[in-house]
Amino acid sequence: MEVLAILIPVSLFLGLMGLVAFVWSLRKGMYDDPEGDSQRILDPRYDDKPKPVERDD
């Protein structure tokens, strides 16, 4: 039971750090591009078959 005295504060601290990181990413605008993904999926440059790399040997 003594281990709970350590695990509960550690888990609360880690959860709080995750929440802080999420709020930080919201404030930095990391999720502010709703139109960009819908346009990129239609762009032929981003396809499933990448072009082969040409070497200058």
N, C-alpha and C. Protein backbone atom coordinates (compact mmCIF):
# COMPACT_ATOMS: atom_id res chain seq x y z
N MET A 1 0.81 -1.21 0.00
CA MET A 1 0.00 0.00 0.00
C MET A 1 0.85 1.26 0.00
N GLU A 2 2.08 1.14 0.48
CA GLU A 2 2.93 2.33 0.52
C GLU A 2 3.29 2.79 -0.89
N VAL A 3 3.28 1.86 -1.83
CA VAL A 3 3.64 2.23 -3.21
C VAL A 3 2.58 3.16 -3.80
N LEU A 4 1.35 3.10 -3.34
CA LEU A 4 0.31 4.00 -3.82
C LEU A 4 0.60 5.45 -3.45
N ALA A 5 1.30 5.64 -2.34
CA ALA A 5 1.66 6.99 -1.93
C ALA A 5 2.64 7.62 -2.92
N ILE A 6 3.34 6.79 -3.67
CA ILE A 6 4.26 7.29 -4.69
C ILE A 6 3.58 7.33 -6.05
N LEU A 7 2.84 6.27 -6.39
CA LEU A 7 2.26 6.15 -7.72
C LEU A 7 1.16 7.16 -8.00
N ILE A 8 0.34 7.46 -7.03
CA ILE A 8 -0.76 8.41 -7.25
C ILE A 8 -0.23 9.81 -7.56
N PRO A 9 0.69 10.37 -6.78
CA PRO A 9 1.21 11.70 -7.15
C PRO A 9 1.97 11.70 -8.48
N VAL A 10 2.71 10.62 -8.76
CA VAL A 10 3.44 10.55 -10.03
C VAL A 10 2.45 10.52 -11.20
N SER A 11 1.39 9.73 -11.09
CA SER A 11 0.43 9.66 -12.18
C SER A 11 -0.32 10.98 -12.34
N LEU A 12 -0.63 11.65 -11.25
CA LEU A 12 -1.27 12.96 -11.35
C LEU A 12 -0.34 13.98 -11.99
N PHE A 13 0.93 13.92 -11.65
CA PHE A 13 1.91 14.83 -12.24
C PHE A 13 2.04 14.58 -13.74
N LEU A 14 2.13 13.33 -14.15
CA LEU A 14 2.24 13.01 -15.58
C LEU A 14 0.98 13.42 -16.35
N GLY A 15 -0.18 13.20 -15.76
CA GLY A 15 -1.42 13.64 -16.41
C GLY A 15 -1.48 15.15 -16.54
N LEU A 16 -1.04 15.86 -15.53
CA LEU A 16 -1.01 17.31 -15.59
C LEU A 16 -0.02 17.80 -16.64
N MET A 17 1.12 17.14 -16.76
CA MET A 17 2.10 17.52 -17.78
C MET A 17 1.53 17.28 -19.18
N GLY A 18 0.79 16.20 -19.38
CA GLY A 18 0.15 15.96 -20.67
C GLY A 18 -0.88 17.02 -20.98
N LEU A 19 -1.65 17.42 -19.99
CA LEU A 19 -2.64 18.48 -20.19
C LEU A 19 -1.97 19.81 -20.52
N VAL A 20 -0.89 20.11 -19.84
CA VAL A 20 -0.15 21.35 -20.11
C VAL A 20 0.41 21.32 -21.53
N ALA A 21 0.94 20.18 -21.97
CA ALA A 21 1.48 20.08 -23.32
C ALA A 21 0.37 20.25 -24.36
N PHE A 22 -0.79 19.70 -24.09
CA PHE A 22 -1.92 19.84 -25.01
C PHE A 22 -2.39 21.29 -25.10
N VAL A 23 -2.52 21.96 -23.98
CA VAL A 23 -2.94 23.36 -23.97
C VAL A 23 -1.90 24.23 -24.66
N TRP A 24 -0.62 23.93 -24.44
CA TRP A 24 0.46 24.67 -25.10
C TRP A 24 0.35 24.52 -26.61
N SER A 25 0.09 23.30 -27.09
CA SER A 25 -0.01 23.08 -28.53
C SER A 25 -1.24 23.80 -29.10
N LEU A 26 -2.32 23.88 -28.34
CA LEU A 26 -3.48 24.64 -28.79
C LEU A 26 -3.16 26.13 -28.92
N ARG A 27 -2.46 26.66 -27.93
CA ARG A 27 -2.13 28.09 -27.95
C ARG A 27 -1.12 28.44 -29.03
N LYS A 28 -0.26 27.50 -29.41
CA LYS A 28 0.72 27.73 -30.47
C LYS A 28 0.10 27.61 -31.86
N GLY A 29 -1.15 27.15 -31.94
CA GLY A 29 -1.84 27.07 -33.22
C GLY A 29 -1.48 25.84 -34.03
N MET A 30 -1.15 24.76 -33.38
CA MET A 30 -0.75 23.55 -34.10
C MET A 30 -1.92 22.87 -34.80
N TYR A 31 -3.14 23.23 -34.47
CA TYR A 31 -4.32 22.59 -35.05
C TYR A 31 -5.14 23.58 -35.88
N ASP A 32 -4.51 24.64 -36.36
CA ASP A 32 -5.24 25.71 -37.04
C ASP A 32 -5.24 25.61 -38.56
N ASP A 33 -5.08 24.44 -39.13
CA ASP A 33 -5.02 24.30 -40.58
C ASP A 33 -6.07 23.29 -41.06
N PRO A 34 -7.36 23.58 -40.89
CA PRO A 34 -8.37 22.60 -41.30
C PRO A 34 -8.48 22.45 -42.82
N GLU A 35 -8.18 23.49 -43.56
CA GLU A 35 -8.28 23.42 -45.02
C GLU A 35 -7.03 22.83 -45.65
N GLY A 36 -5.91 22.92 -44.99
CA GLY A 36 -4.66 22.46 -45.58
C GLY A 36 -4.64 20.96 -45.86
N ASP A 37 -5.11 20.16 -44.92
CA ASP A 37 -5.11 18.72 -45.13
C ASP A 37 -6.04 18.32 -46.26
N SER A 38 -7.17 18.97 -46.37
CA SER A 38 -8.10 18.61 -47.44
C SER A 38 -7.55 19.00 -48.81
N GLN A 39 -6.72 20.02 -48.87
CA GLN A 39 -6.10 20.40 -50.14
C GLN A 39 -4.89 19.52 -50.45
N ARG A 40 -4.13 19.16 -49.44
CA ARG A 40 -2.94 18.33 -49.66
C ARG A 40 -3.29 16.94 -50.13
N ILE A 41 -4.41 16.39 -49.71
CA ILE A 41 -4.77 15.03 -50.10
C ILE A 41 -5.10 14.97 -51.60
N LEU A 42 -5.48 16.09 -52.19
CA LEU A 42 -5.79 16.13 -53.62
C LEU A 42 -4.57 16.47 -54.48
N ASP A 43 -3.48 16.85 -53.86
CA ASP A 43 -2.28 17.26 -54.58
C ASP A 43 -1.54 16.02 -55.11
N PRO A 44 -1.24 15.95 -56.38
CA PRO A 44 -0.58 14.76 -56.94
C PRO A 44 0.86 14.60 -56.47
N ARG A 45 1.45 15.63 -55.88
CA ARG A 45 2.82 15.49 -55.39
C ARG A 45 2.91 14.57 -54.18
N TYR A 46 1.82 14.39 -53.46
CA TYR A 46 1.80 13.55 -52.28
C TYR A 46 1.02 12.28 -52.60
N ASP A 47 1.61 11.38 -53.36
CA ASP A 47 0.92 10.15 -53.71
C ASP A 47 1.57 8.96 -53.01
N ASP A 48 0.99 7.78 -53.22
CA ASP A 48 1.48 6.58 -52.55
C ASP A 48 2.73 6.00 -53.20
N LYS A 49 3.02 6.40 -54.42
CA LYS A 49 4.17 5.88 -55.14
C LYS A 49 5.16 7.01 -55.38
N PRO A 50 6.15 7.15 -54.52
CA PRO A 50 7.11 8.24 -54.72
C PRO A 50 7.96 7.99 -55.95
N LYS A 51 8.38 9.08 -56.55
CA LYS A 51 9.21 8.99 -57.75
C LYS A 51 10.60 8.50 -57.36
N PRO A 52 11.25 7.73 -58.25
CA PRO A 52 12.60 7.25 -57.93
C PRO A 52 13.59 8.41 -57.88
N VAL A 53 14.60 8.23 -57.07
CA VAL A 53 15.63 9.25 -56.91
C VAL A 53 16.62 9.15 -58.05
N GLU A 54 16.89 10.26 -58.70
CA GLU A 54 17.86 10.28 -59.77
C GLU A 54 19.22 10.63 -59.21
N ARG A 55 20.22 9.81 -59.53
CA ARG A 55 21.57 10.05 -59.02
C ARG A 55 22.42 10.75 -60.08
N ASP A 56 23.34 11.57 -59.61
CA ASP A 56 24.27 12.25 -60.48
C ASP A 56 25.65 11.62 -60.33
N ASP A 57 25.79 10.35 -60.73
CA ASP A 57 27.07 9.65 -60.60
C ASP A 57 28.01 9.98 -61.71
